[in-house]
Every structure is written in structure tokens, then in C-alpha cells.
Amino acid sequence: MNIPNLLTLLRVFLIPFFILLFYLPFPASHLAASAVFALAAATDWLDGYLARKLGQSTPFGAFLDPVADKLMVAVALVLLVEEHANLWLTLPAVIIIGREIVVSALREWMAELGARAHVAVSSLGKWKTAAQMAALVILLANSPVISFWVVTGYALLIIAAALTLWSMLHYLLAAWPHLSTTPKEK
């Protein structure tokens, strides 16, 4: 166990506290939940940085890091969809969660073929993640009443969803030669 792995585990352990803070009936509960989410997002960047800088990348960390990220984002999106209950948030949430399922399955399948490098994380994914995390921090901190910040959060989430679709298309096109062959052609 090393510091990057501990930070990744911290992200997973923060999820119940994040949910609890979101639902607690006190005036700053949404702001507190947003702060916990922002802390988790910061540990996502920090654990990766430290793993590379300290040479502490491990198979456990490589497995758990994307799982922790996807859990935090999916939980945040589900909470926000319930609270906002509108198309501007629901559609991007479905796109983002659906893409994560498709790309995770694609990566697993490509790994079985020994071609995982064809669907490695790209810089496009980094931009998507930045827009997504900023949108979620903003939306979690604010009530669903239309305001400058809520509209900004929706706009960033829509941008993240568009980047999500673009990156999924990129991954599918990279994997297409493997998806379009029959067993005899391999």
C-alpha cells in the first residue's frame, strides 16, 4: 500500500459521506457535498501525479483508480438527476454513464485480445474529465433554481457529454478493426 493507492481508497470511502452530506437537511449541505466531491476530484489528480512522480504505480492502483472515478461521477450524476429532474441534466448524465459502461466493456474486451493499447486514455478524455468535474462541483454546490451558476454547470455538463461522445467515437473507431473481423480473419 502506498500514498497514491491510499488516496484512491479515500475517494471510495468518501462516497457515503458525500451522499449523506447531499441529503442532510441543513442550509450548507449542498456546499459541503460539493466540497467533498471537489476533494475527491483533487485526489484523483494527485494520486496519478504521485504514482508517476514517485514511481509507485501498481496493478491495484491501475484497477481501482478508474473504478473510484466512475463511482464518484455516477453517484454525483444520479443525485443531481433526482434533484434537478430536467432534460438539461438527465440527457448528459445518461450519455456520460452510458459511455463509461461502453468504453469499460470495450477496454476489457480489447485487453482479452491483447490490443488494450488501441483504447488507451487520450488527451480528449482529460478535457472531458475537466469539464465534467467542474460542472459537477458547480451543480452540487447550487440548488436547482436557475441561476448563473446552474446554467454554467449545465453548459459545462453538456460540453462534457459532447466530449464524452467524441471520445467514445474515437475509442470505437480505434477498436473497429478488431470489432469488424470474423473469427476466421484473425
N, C-alpha and C. Protein backbone atom coordinates (compact mmCIF):
# COMPACT_ATOMS: atom_id res chain seq x y z
N MET A 1 0.86 -1.18 0.00
CA MET A 1 0.00 0.00 0.00
C MET A 1 0.90 1.23 0.00
N ASN A 2 0.59 2.18 -0.86
CA ASN A 2 1.38 3.40 -0.96
C ASN A 2 0.45 4.61 -0.95
N ILE A 3 1.03 5.81 -0.98
CA ILE A 3 0.22 7.04 -0.88
C ILE A 3 -0.78 7.17 -2.04
N PRO A 4 -0.36 6.96 -3.29
CA PRO A 4 -1.37 7.06 -4.37
C PRO A 4 -2.54 6.09 -4.18
N ASN A 5 -2.26 4.86 -3.77
CA ASN A 5 -3.35 3.90 -3.55
C ASN A 5 -4.23 4.31 -2.38
N LEU A 6 -3.62 4.87 -1.34
CA LEU A 6 -4.42 5.34 -0.19
C LEU A 6 -5.34 6.49 -0.60
N LEU A 7 -4.84 7.37 -1.46
CA LEU A 7 -5.68 8.48 -1.96
C LEU A 7 -6.85 7.95 -2.79
N THR A 8 -6.59 6.91 -3.58
CA THR A 8 -7.67 6.31 -4.38
C THR A 8 -8.70 5.66 -3.46
N LEU A 9 -8.24 4.94 -2.45
CA LEU A 9 -9.16 4.34 -1.48
C LEU A 9 -9.97 5.41 -0.74
N LEU A 10 -9.30 6.52 -0.42
CA LEU A 10 -10.00 7.63 0.23
C LEU A 10 -11.18 8.08 -0.61
N ARG A 11 -10.98 8.16 -1.93
CA ARG A 11 -12.05 8.57 -2.83
C ARG A 11 -13.25 7.64 -2.70
N VAL A 12 -13.00 6.35 -2.63
CA VAL A 12 -14.09 5.37 -2.49
C VAL A 12 -14.78 5.54 -1.13
N PHE A 13 -13.99 5.72 -0.08
CA PHE A 13 -14.57 5.87 1.27
C PHE A 13 -15.32 7.18 1.45
N LEU A 14 -15.03 8.19 0.62
CA LEU A 14 -15.75 9.47 0.71
C LEU A 14 -17.16 9.39 0.14
N ILE A 15 -17.45 8.40 -0.68
CA ILE A 15 -18.76 8.32 -1.35
C ILE A 15 -19.93 8.32 -0.36
N PRO A 16 -19.94 7.47 0.68
CA PRO A 16 -21.08 7.52 1.61
C PRO A 16 -21.21 8.87 2.32
N PHE A 17 -20.09 9.51 2.65
CA PHE A 17 -20.14 10.82 3.31
C PHE A 17 -20.67 11.88 2.35
N PHE A 18 -20.27 11.77 1.11
CA PHE A 18 -20.75 12.67 0.06
C PHE A 18 -22.27 12.56 -0.06
N ILE A 19 -22.78 11.34 -0.12
CA ILE A 19 -24.23 11.11 -0.23
C ILE A 19 -24.95 11.65 1.01
N LEU A 20 -24.42 11.33 2.18
CA LEU A 20 -25.03 11.79 3.42
C LEU A 20 -25.09 13.31 3.47
N LEU A 21 -24.00 13.97 3.14
CA LEU A 21 -23.99 15.44 3.16
C LEU A 21 -24.99 16.02 2.16
N PHE A 22 -25.12 15.39 1.01
CA PHE A 22 -26.06 15.87 -0.01
C PHE A 22 -27.49 15.87 0.52
N TYR A 23 -27.84 14.86 1.29
CA TYR A 23 -29.23 14.71 1.77
C TYR A 23 -29.49 15.32 3.14
N LEU A 24 -28.47 15.68 3.90
CA LEU A 24 -28.72 16.25 5.22
C LEU A 24 -29.49 17.56 5.10
N PRO A 25 -30.47 17.76 5.99
CA PRO A 25 -31.31 18.96 5.91
C PRO A 25 -30.72 20.16 6.66
N PHE A 26 -29.59 20.66 6.17
CA PHE A 26 -29.09 21.92 6.72
C PHE A 26 -28.69 22.81 5.56
N PRO A 27 -28.72 24.13 5.75
CA PRO A 27 -28.57 25.07 4.64
C PRO A 27 -27.33 24.87 3.76
N ALA A 28 -26.22 24.50 4.32
CA ALA A 28 -24.99 24.38 3.53
C ALA A 28 -24.69 22.94 3.12
N SER A 29 -25.69 22.06 3.17
CA SER A 29 -25.42 20.65 2.87
C SER A 29 -24.92 20.45 1.44
N HIS A 30 -25.50 21.17 0.49
CA HIS A 30 -25.06 21.02 -0.89
C HIS A 30 -23.63 21.54 -1.08
N LEU A 31 -23.33 22.62 -0.42
CA LEU A 31 -21.97 23.17 -0.50
C LEU A 31 -20.97 22.18 0.13
N ALA A 32 -21.35 21.57 1.24
CA ALA A 32 -20.47 20.59 1.88
C ALA A 32 -20.29 19.36 0.98
N ALA A 33 -21.36 18.89 0.37
CA ALA A 33 -21.26 17.74 -0.55
C ALA A 33 -20.37 18.10 -1.74
N SER A 34 -20.52 19.31 -2.24
CA SER A 34 -19.68 19.76 -3.36
C SER A 34 -18.22 19.82 -2.95
N ALA A 35 -17.95 20.26 -1.73
CA ALA A 35 -16.57 20.33 -1.24
C ALA A 35 -15.96 18.93 -1.14
N VAL A 36 -16.73 17.96 -0.67
CA VAL A 36 -16.25 16.57 -0.60
C VAL A 36 -15.98 16.05 -2.01
N PHE A 37 -16.88 16.33 -2.94
CA PHE A 37 -16.68 15.91 -4.32
C PHE A 37 -15.43 16.57 -4.90
N ALA A 38 -15.24 17.86 -4.65
CA ALA A 38 -14.06 18.57 -5.14
C ALA A 38 -12.78 17.97 -4.55
N LEU A 39 -12.82 17.62 -3.26
CA LEU A 39 -11.68 16.96 -2.63
C LEU A 39 -11.38 15.64 -3.32
N ALA A 40 -12.41 14.87 -3.61
CA ALA A 40 -12.24 13.59 -4.30
C ALA A 40 -11.65 13.81 -5.69
N ALA A 41 -12.14 14.83 -6.40
CA ALA A 41 -11.61 15.13 -7.73
C ALA A 41 -10.14 15.52 -7.65
N ALA A 42 -9.78 16.28 -6.62
CA ALA A 42 -8.37 16.68 -6.44
C ALA A 42 -7.50 15.46 -6.13
N THR A 43 -8.01 14.52 -5.34
CA THR A 43 -7.21 13.33 -5.04
C THR A 43 -7.04 12.47 -6.28
N ASP A 44 -7.99 12.54 -7.22
CA ASP A 44 -7.85 11.81 -8.48
C ASP A 44 -6.62 12.31 -9.23
N TRP A 45 -6.49 13.62 -9.33
CA TRP A 45 -5.31 14.19 -9.99
C TRP A 45 -4.05 13.88 -9.19
N LEU A 46 -4.12 14.08 -7.87
CA LEU A 46 -2.94 13.93 -7.02
C LEU A 46 -2.43 12.50 -6.99
N ASP A 47 -3.32 11.51 -6.92
CA ASP A 47 -2.83 10.13 -6.85
C ASP A 47 -2.09 9.74 -8.14
N GLY A 48 -2.61 10.19 -9.28
CA GLY A 48 -1.93 9.91 -10.54
C GLY A 48 -0.58 10.59 -10.63
N TYR A 49 -0.54 11.85 -10.21
CA TYR A 49 0.71 12.61 -10.22
C TYR A 49 1.75 11.94 -9.32
N LEU A 50 1.34 11.59 -8.09
CA LEU A 50 2.29 10.97 -7.16
C LEU A 50 2.74 9.59 -7.63
N ALA A 51 1.83 8.82 -8.19
CA ALA A 51 2.20 7.49 -8.68
C ALA A 51 3.28 7.60 -9.76
N ARG A 52 3.14 8.57 -10.66
CA ARG A 52 4.15 8.77 -11.71
C ARG A 52 5.43 9.35 -11.14
N LYS A 53 5.30 10.39 -10.32
CA LYS A 53 6.46 11.11 -9.78
C LYS A 53 7.30 10.23 -8.85
N LEU A 54 6.63 9.43 -8.02
CA LEU A 54 7.33 8.59 -7.05
C LEU A 54 7.60 7.18 -7.57
N GLY A 55 7.16 6.91 -8.78
CA GLY A 55 7.34 5.57 -9.34
C GLY A 55 6.57 4.52 -8.55
N GLN A 56 5.35 4.87 -8.10
CA GLN A 56 4.57 3.98 -7.25
C GLN A 56 3.30 3.47 -7.94
N SER A 57 3.36 3.35 -9.25
CA SER A 57 2.22 2.77 -9.97
C SER A 57 2.15 1.28 -9.64
N THR A 58 0.94 0.80 -9.36
CA THR A 58 0.75 -0.61 -9.02
C THR A 58 -0.43 -1.15 -9.81
N PRO A 59 -0.49 -2.46 -9.99
CA PRO A 59 -1.66 -3.05 -10.65
C PRO A 59 -2.95 -2.74 -9.88
N PHE A 60 -2.88 -2.77 -8.54
CA PHE A 60 -4.06 -2.45 -7.73
C PHE A 60 -4.53 -1.02 -8.00
N GLY A 61 -3.61 -0.07 -8.04
CA GLY A 61 -3.94 1.33 -8.32
C GLY A 61 -4.50 1.51 -9.71
N ALA A 62 -3.90 0.80 -10.68
CA ALA A 62 -4.37 0.89 -12.07
C ALA A 62 -5.80 0.36 -12.19
N PHE A 63 -6.14 -0.63 -11.38
CA PHE A 63 -7.51 -1.16 -11.37
C PHE A 63 -8.46 -0.22 -10.63
N LEU A 64 -8.08 0.18 -9.40
CA LEU A 64 -9.01 0.90 -8.53
C LEU A 64 -9.23 2.35 -8.94
N ASP A 65 -8.23 3.01 -9.50
CA ASP A 65 -8.36 4.43 -9.83
C ASP A 65 -9.55 4.71 -10.75
N PRO A 66 -9.67 4.02 -11.91
CA PRO A 66 -10.82 4.32 -12.75
C PRO A 66 -12.15 3.90 -12.12
N VAL A 67 -12.13 2.85 -11.29
CA VAL A 67 -13.35 2.43 -10.60
C VAL A 67 -13.80 3.53 -9.64
N ALA A 68 -12.87 4.06 -8.85
CA ALA A 68 -13.20 5.13 -7.91
C ALA A 68 -13.74 6.36 -8.63
N ASP A 69 -13.11 6.71 -9.75
CA ASP A 69 -13.56 7.88 -10.53
C ASP A 69 -14.99 7.67 -11.02
N LYS A 70 -15.24 6.53 -11.62
CA LYS A 70 -16.55 6.26 -12.20
C LYS A 70 -17.63 6.19 -11.12
N LEU A 71 -17.30 5.64 -9.96
CA LEU A 71 -18.27 5.59 -8.86
C LEU A 71 -18.63 7.00 -8.39
N MET A 72 -17.63 7.83 -8.17
CA MET A 72 -17.89 9.20 -7.70
C MET A 72 -18.75 9.97 -8.71
N VAL A 73 -18.39 9.89 -9.98
CA VAL A 73 -19.11 10.63 -11.01
C VAL A 73 -20.53 10.08 -11.15
N ALA A 74 -20.69 8.77 -11.19
CA ALA A 74 -22.03 8.18 -11.35
C ALA A 74 -22.93 8.55 -10.17
N VAL A 75 -22.39 8.48 -8.96
CA VAL A 75 -23.19 8.85 -7.78
C VAL A 75 -23.60 10.32 -7.86
N ALA A 76 -22.66 11.19 -8.20
CA ALA A 76 -22.98 12.62 -8.30
C ALA A 76 -24.05 12.86 -9.36
N LEU A 77 -23.92 12.21 -10.51
CA LEU A 77 -24.91 12.40 -11.58
C LEU A 77 -26.29 11.90 -11.16
N VAL A 78 -26.35 10.76 -10.50
CA VAL A 78 -27.64 10.22 -10.07
C VAL A 78 -28.29 11.17 -9.05
N LEU A 79 -27.53 11.65 -8.10
CA LEU A 79 -28.07 12.59 -7.11
C LEU A 79 -28.60 13.86 -7.79
N LEU A 80 -27.82 14.37 -8.74
CA LEU A 80 -28.24 15.61 -9.41
C LEU A 80 -29.45 15.40 -10.32
N VAL A 81 -29.51 14.25 -11.00
CA VAL A 81 -30.67 13.97 -11.85
C VAL A 81 -31.94 13.92 -11.00
N GLU A 82 -31.84 13.30 -9.85
CA GLU A 82 -33.01 13.24 -8.96
C GLU A 82 -33.43 14.64 -8.53
N GLU A 83 -32.48 15.47 -8.18
CA GLU A 83 -32.81 16.79 -7.66
C GLU A 83 -33.25 17.77 -8.75
N HIS A 84 -32.57 17.76 -9.87
CA HIS A 84 -32.89 18.73 -10.93
C HIS A 84 -34.04 18.28 -11.81
N ALA A 85 -34.11 16.98 -12.07
CA ALA A 85 -35.22 16.38 -12.83
C ALA A 85 -35.57 17.15 -14.09
N ASN A 86 -34.57 17.38 -14.95
CA ASN A 86 -34.84 18.02 -16.23
C ASN A 86 -33.95 17.44 -17.31
N LEU A 87 -34.31 17.71 -18.54
CA LEU A 87 -33.59 17.17 -19.69
C LEU A 87 -32.16 17.68 -19.77
N TRP A 88 -31.92 18.93 -19.35
CA TRP A 88 -30.60 19.55 -19.45
C TRP A 88 -29.56 18.83 -18.60
N LEU A 89 -29.99 18.16 -17.58
CA LEU A 89 -29.07 17.39 -16.75
C LEU A 89 -29.20 15.89 -17.01
N THR A 90 -30.41 15.42 -17.22
CA THR A 90 -30.62 13.98 -17.38
C THR A 90 -29.96 13.43 -18.64
N LEU A 91 -30.13 14.09 -19.76
CA LEU A 91 -29.55 13.59 -21.01
C LEU A 91 -28.02 13.53 -20.96
N PRO A 92 -27.33 14.59 -20.53
CA PRO A 92 -25.87 14.46 -20.40
C PRO A 92 -25.47 13.37 -19.40
N ALA A 93 -26.23 13.21 -18.32
CA ALA A 93 -25.91 12.17 -17.33
C ALA A 93 -26.01 10.78 -17.95
N VAL A 94 -27.07 10.54 -18.72
CA VAL A 94 -27.23 9.24 -19.38
C VAL A 94 -26.10 9.01 -20.37
N ILE A 95 -25.73 10.04 -21.12
CA ILE A 95 -24.63 9.92 -22.09
C ILE A 95 -23.32 9.59 -21.37
N ILE A 96 -23.04 10.30 -20.29
CA ILE A 96 -21.78 10.10 -19.58
C ILE A 96 -21.72 8.71 -18.95
N ILE A 97 -22.78 8.32 -18.26
CA ILE A 97 -22.78 6.99 -17.61
C ILE A 97 -22.79 5.89 -18.67
N GLY A 98 -23.57 6.07 -19.72
CA GLY A 98 -23.61 5.07 -20.79
C GLY A 98 -22.27 4.90 -21.47
N ARG A 99 -21.59 6.00 -21.73
CA ARG A 99 -20.26 5.94 -22.35
C ARG A 99 -19.28 5.19 -21.46
N GLU A 100 -19.34 5.44 -20.17
CA GLU A 100 -18.41 4.77 -19.25
C GLU A 100 -18.62 3.26 -19.30
N ILE A 101 -19.86 2.83 -19.40
CA ILE A 101 -20.15 1.39 -19.49
C ILE A 101 -19.61 0.83 -20.80
N VAL A 102 -19.89 1.52 -21.91
CA VAL A 102 -19.45 1.05 -23.23
C VAL A 102 -17.92 0.99 -23.30
N VAL A 103 -17.26 2.06 -22.90
CA VAL A 103 -15.80 2.12 -23.02
C VAL A 103 -15.14 1.13 -22.05
N SER A 104 -15.68 0.97 -20.85
CA SER A 104 -15.13 -0.02 -19.93
C SER A 104 -15.23 -1.43 -20.51
N ALA A 105 -16.38 -1.75 -21.08
CA ALA A 105 -16.56 -3.06 -21.70
C ALA A 105 -15.62 -3.22 -22.90
N LEU A 106 -15.48 -2.16 -23.69
CA LEU A 106 -14.59 -2.19 -24.85
C LEU A 106 -13.14 -2.42 -24.43
N ARG A 107 -12.71 -1.70 -23.39
CA ARG A 107 -11.33 -1.87 -22.90
C ARG A 107 -11.10 -3.29 -22.39
N GLU A 108 -12.07 -3.82 -21.66
CA GLU A 108 -11.93 -5.20 -21.15
C GLU A 108 -11.85 -6.19 -22.31
N TRP A 109 -12.69 -6.03 -23.29
CA TRP A 109 -12.70 -6.92 -24.44
C TRP A 109 -11.40 -6.80 -25.24
N MET A 110 -10.93 -5.55 -25.45
CA MET A 110 -9.68 -5.34 -26.19
C MET A 110 -8.49 -5.91 -25.42
N ALA A 111 -8.54 -5.85 -24.10
CA ALA A 111 -7.46 -6.44 -23.29
C ALA A 111 -7.42 -7.95 -23.49
N GLU A 112 -8.59 -8.58 -23.60
CA GLU A 112 -8.63 -10.03 -23.85
C GLU A 112 -8.00 -10.37 -25.20
N LEU A 113 -8.09 -9.45 -26.15
CA LEU A 113 -7.50 -9.66 -27.47
C LEU A 113 -6.02 -9.29 -27.50
N GLY A 114 -5.53 -8.70 -26.40
CA GLY A 114 -4.15 -8.24 -26.36
C GLY A 114 -3.96 -6.93 -27.11
N ALA A 115 -5.02 -6.16 -27.25
CA ALA A 115 -4.97 -4.91 -28.02
C ALA A 115 -5.44 -3.73 -27.19
N ARG A 116 -5.25 -3.78 -25.89
CA ARG A 116 -5.73 -2.71 -25.00
C ARG A 116 -5.13 -1.35 -25.35
N ALA A 117 -3.91 -1.32 -25.86
CA ALA A 117 -3.26 -0.05 -26.19
C ALA A 117 -4.05 0.74 -27.23
N HIS A 118 -4.87 0.07 -28.02
CA HIS A 118 -5.68 0.76 -29.03
C HIS A 118 -6.78 1.61 -28.40
N VAL A 119 -7.12 1.34 -27.15
CA VAL A 119 -8.17 2.11 -26.47
C VAL A 119 -7.64 2.70 -25.16
N ALA A 120 -6.39 3.14 -25.18
CA ALA A 120 -5.80 3.77 -24.01
C ALA A 120 -6.39 5.17 -23.82
N VAL A 121 -6.27 5.71 -22.62
CA VAL A 121 -6.80 7.05 -22.30
C VAL A 121 -6.10 8.08 -23.17
N SER A 122 -6.88 9.00 -23.73
CA SER A 122 -6.32 10.04 -24.60
C SER A 122 -6.43 11.41 -23.94
N SER A 123 -5.82 12.40 -24.56
CA SER A 123 -5.91 13.76 -24.02
C SER A 123 -7.34 14.29 -24.10
N LEU A 124 -8.11 13.79 -25.06
CA LEU A 124 -9.52 14.16 -25.17
C LEU A 124 -10.27 13.78 -23.89
N GLY A 125 -9.93 12.62 -23.35
CA GLY A 125 -10.53 12.17 -22.10
C GLY A 125 -10.20 13.09 -20.94
N LYS A 126 -9.01 13.68 -20.96
CA LYS A 126 -8.61 14.61 -19.89
C LYS A 126 -9.47 15.88 -19.94
N TRP A 127 -9.73 16.38 -21.15
CA TRP A 127 -10.58 17.58 -21.29
C TRP A 127 -12.01 17.27 -20.86
N LYS A 128 -12.48 16.09 -21.23
CA LYS A 128 -13.82 15.66 -20.85
C LYS A 128 -13.93 15.62 -19.33
N THR A 129 -12.93 15.04 -18.70
CA THR A 129 -12.93 14.92 -17.24
C THR A 129 -12.91 16.29 -16.58
N ALA A 130 -12.11 17.20 -17.10
CA ALA A 130 -12.03 18.55 -16.51
C ALA A 130 -13.39 19.26 -16.60
N ALA A 131 -14.03 19.21 -17.75
CA ALA A 131 -15.34 19.86 -17.91
C ALA A 131 -16.38 19.20 -17.01
N GLN A 132 -16.33 17.88 -16.95
CA GLN A 132 -17.28 17.11 -16.15
C GLN A 132 -17.13 17.42 -14.65
N MET A 133 -15.90 17.42 -14.17
CA MET A 133 -15.66 17.67 -12.74
C MET A 133 -16.05 19.10 -12.37
N ALA A 134 -15.70 20.07 -13.22
CA ALA A 134 -16.09 21.46 -12.94
C ALA A 134 -17.61 21.59 -12.91
N ALA A 135 -18.29 20.98 -13.88
CA ALA A 135 -19.76 21.03 -13.91
C ALA A 135 -20.36 20.43 -12.65
N LEU A 136 -19.84 19.27 -12.24
CA LEU A 136 -20.42 18.60 -11.08
C LEU A 136 -20.17 19.38 -9.79
N VAL A 137 -18.99 19.95 -9.63
CA VAL A 137 -18.71 20.75 -8.43
C VAL A 137 -19.68 21.94 -8.38
N ILE A 138 -19.86 22.60 -9.51
CA ILE A 138 -20.77 23.76 -9.56
C ILE A 138 -22.21 23.34 -9.27
N LEU A 139 -22.68 22.29 -9.95
CA LEU A 139 -24.08 21.87 -9.79
C LEU A 139 -24.35 21.32 -8.39
N LEU A 140 -23.40 20.63 -7.82
CA LEU A 140 -23.59 20.10 -6.46
C LEU A 140 -23.67 21.23 -5.43
N ALA A 141 -22.97 22.32 -5.68
CA ALA A 141 -22.92 23.42 -4.72
C ALA A 141 -24.17 24.30 -4.76
N ASN A 142 -24.97 24.16 -5.81
CA ASN A 142 -26.11 25.06 -6.00
C ASN A 142 -27.42 24.31 -6.04
N SER A 143 -28.47 24.95 -5.53
CA SER A 143 -29.80 24.36 -5.62
C SER A 143 -30.24 24.39 -7.08
N PRO A 144 -31.25 23.60 -7.45
CA PRO A 144 -31.64 23.52 -8.85
C PRO A 144 -32.39 24.74 -9.40
N VAL A 145 -32.45 25.80 -8.64
CA VAL A 145 -33.09 27.04 -9.11
C VAL A 145 -32.19 27.67 -10.18
N ILE A 146 -32.78 28.06 -11.30
CA ILE A 146 -31.99 28.62 -12.40
C ILE A 146 -31.27 29.88 -11.93
N SER A 147 -29.96 29.85 -12.13
CA SER A 147 -29.09 30.97 -11.79
C SER A 147 -27.91 30.93 -12.75
N PHE A 148 -27.06 31.94 -12.66
CA PHE A 148 -25.86 31.96 -13.49
C PHE A 148 -25.04 30.69 -13.30
N TRP A 149 -24.86 30.29 -12.04
CA TRP A 149 -24.01 29.13 -11.75
C TRP A 149 -24.65 27.83 -12.22
N VAL A 150 -25.93 27.68 -12.08
CA VAL A 150 -26.61 26.46 -12.54
C VAL A 150 -26.54 26.37 -14.06
N VAL A 151 -26.78 27.47 -14.75
CA VAL A 151 -26.69 27.47 -16.21
C VAL A 151 -25.25 27.17 -16.65
N THR A 152 -24.27 27.73 -15.95
CA THR A 152 -22.86 27.43 -16.24
C THR A 152 -22.59 25.95 -16.03
N GLY A 153 -23.10 25.39 -14.96
CA GLY A 153 -22.93 23.96 -14.69
C GLY A 153 -23.57 23.11 -15.77
N TYR A 154 -24.78 23.47 -16.20
CA TYR A 154 -25.44 22.74 -17.29
C TYR A 154 -24.61 22.82 -18.57
N ALA A 155 -24.13 24.02 -18.89
CA ALA A 155 -23.34 24.21 -20.11
C ALA A 155 -22.08 23.34 -20.07
N LEU A 156 -21.39 23.35 -18.94
CA LEU A 156 -20.18 22.53 -18.81
C LEU A 156 -20.51 21.04 -18.89
N LEU A 157 -21.64 20.64 -18.33
CA LEU A 157 -22.02 19.23 -18.39
C LEU A 157 -22.39 18.83 -19.82
N ILE A 158 -23.02 19.72 -20.55
CA ILE A 158 -23.34 19.44 -21.96
C ILE A 158 -22.05 19.36 -22.78
N ILE A 159 -21.10 20.24 -22.50
CA ILE A 159 -19.79 20.16 -23.17
C ILE A 159 -19.11 18.83 -22.83
N ALA A 160 -19.16 18.45 -21.55
CA ALA A 160 -18.57 17.17 -21.13
C ALA A 160 -19.25 16.00 -21.84
N ALA A 161 -20.57 16.07 -22.00
CA ALA A 161 -21.29 14.99 -22.69
C ALA A 161 -20.90 14.93 -24.16
N ALA A 162 -20.73 16.09 -24.79
CA ALA A 162 -20.30 16.12 -26.19
C ALA A 162 -18.89 15.54 -26.32
N LEU A 163 -17.99 15.93 -25.43
CA LEU A 163 -16.63 15.37 -25.44
C LEU A 163 -16.66 13.87 -25.14
N THR A 164 -17.61 13.47 -24.30
CA THR A 164 -17.78 12.05 -23.97
C THR A 164 -18.14 11.26 -25.22
N LEU A 165 -19.10 11.77 -25.98
CA LEU A 165 -19.49 11.10 -27.23
C LEU A 165 -18.33 11.07 -28.23
N TRP A 166 -17.62 12.18 -28.32
CA TRP A 166 -16.49 12.28 -29.24
C TRP A 166 -15.41 11.27 -28.85
N SER A 167 -15.09 11.20 -27.56
CA SER A 167 -14.04 10.26 -27.14
C SER A 167 -14.51 8.82 -27.31
N MET A 168 -15.81 8.54 -27.08
CA MET A 168 -16.31 7.19 -27.30
C MET A 168 -16.19 6.81 -28.77
N LEU A 169 -16.52 7.75 -29.66
CA LEU A 169 -16.38 7.50 -31.09
C LEU A 169 -14.92 7.23 -31.44
N HIS A 170 -14.01 8.01 -30.84
CA HIS A 170 -12.57 7.82 -31.05
C HIS A 170 -12.16 6.40 -30.64
N TYR A 171 -12.61 5.95 -29.47
CA TYR A 171 -12.28 4.60 -28.99
C TYR A 171 -12.88 3.52 -29.89
N LEU A 172 -14.14 3.71 -30.29
CA LEU A 172 -14.79 2.73 -31.14
C LEU A 172 -14.11 2.63 -32.51
N LEU A 173 -13.71 3.77 -33.07
CA LEU A 173 -13.00 3.76 -34.35
C LEU A 173 -11.64 3.08 -34.22
N ALA A 174 -10.94 3.31 -33.11
CA ALA A 174 -9.65 2.65 -32.88
C ALA A 174 -9.83 1.15 -32.74
N ALA A 175 -10.94 0.74 -32.16
CA ALA A 175 -11.18 -0.69 -31.94
C ALA A 175 -11.87 -1.35 -33.13
N TRP A 176 -12.38 -0.55 -34.08
CA TRP A 176 -13.19 -1.09 -35.18
C TRP A 176 -12.52 -2.24 -35.94
N PRO A 177 -11.23 -2.15 -36.27
CA PRO A 177 -10.62 -3.29 -36.98
C PRO A 177 -10.77 -4.61 -36.20
N HIS A 178 -10.76 -4.54 -34.89
CA HIS A 178 -10.92 -5.74 -34.06
C HIS A 178 -12.39 -6.13 -33.93
N LEU A 179 -13.27 -5.15 -33.99
CA LEU A 179 -14.71 -5.42 -33.86
C LEU A 179 -15.31 -5.93 -35.17
N SER A 180 -14.71 -5.58 -36.28
CA SER A 180 -15.31 -5.90 -37.57
C SER A 180 -14.76 -7.15 -38.23
N THR A 181 -13.84 -7.84 -37.56
CA THR A 181 -13.29 -9.06 -38.15
C THR A 181 -14.08 -10.27 -37.66
N THR A 182 -14.13 -11.27 -38.49
CA THR A 182 -14.75 -12.52 -38.08
C THR A 182 -13.67 -13.41 -37.48
N PRO A 183 -14.03 -14.41 -36.73
CA PRO A 183 -13.02 -15.27 -36.10
C PRO A 183 -12.02 -15.85 -37.11
N LYS A 184 -12.46 -16.14 -38.35
CA LYS A 184 -11.56 -16.71 -39.36
C LYS A 184 -10.52 -15.70 -39.83
N GLU A 185 -10.87 -14.40 -39.82
CA GLU A 185 -9.96 -13.37 -40.33
C GLU A 185 -8.84 -13.07 -39.35
N LYS A 186 -8.98 -13.43 -38.11
CA LYS A 186 -7.95 -13.16 -37.11
C LYS A 186 -6.87 -14.14 -37.31
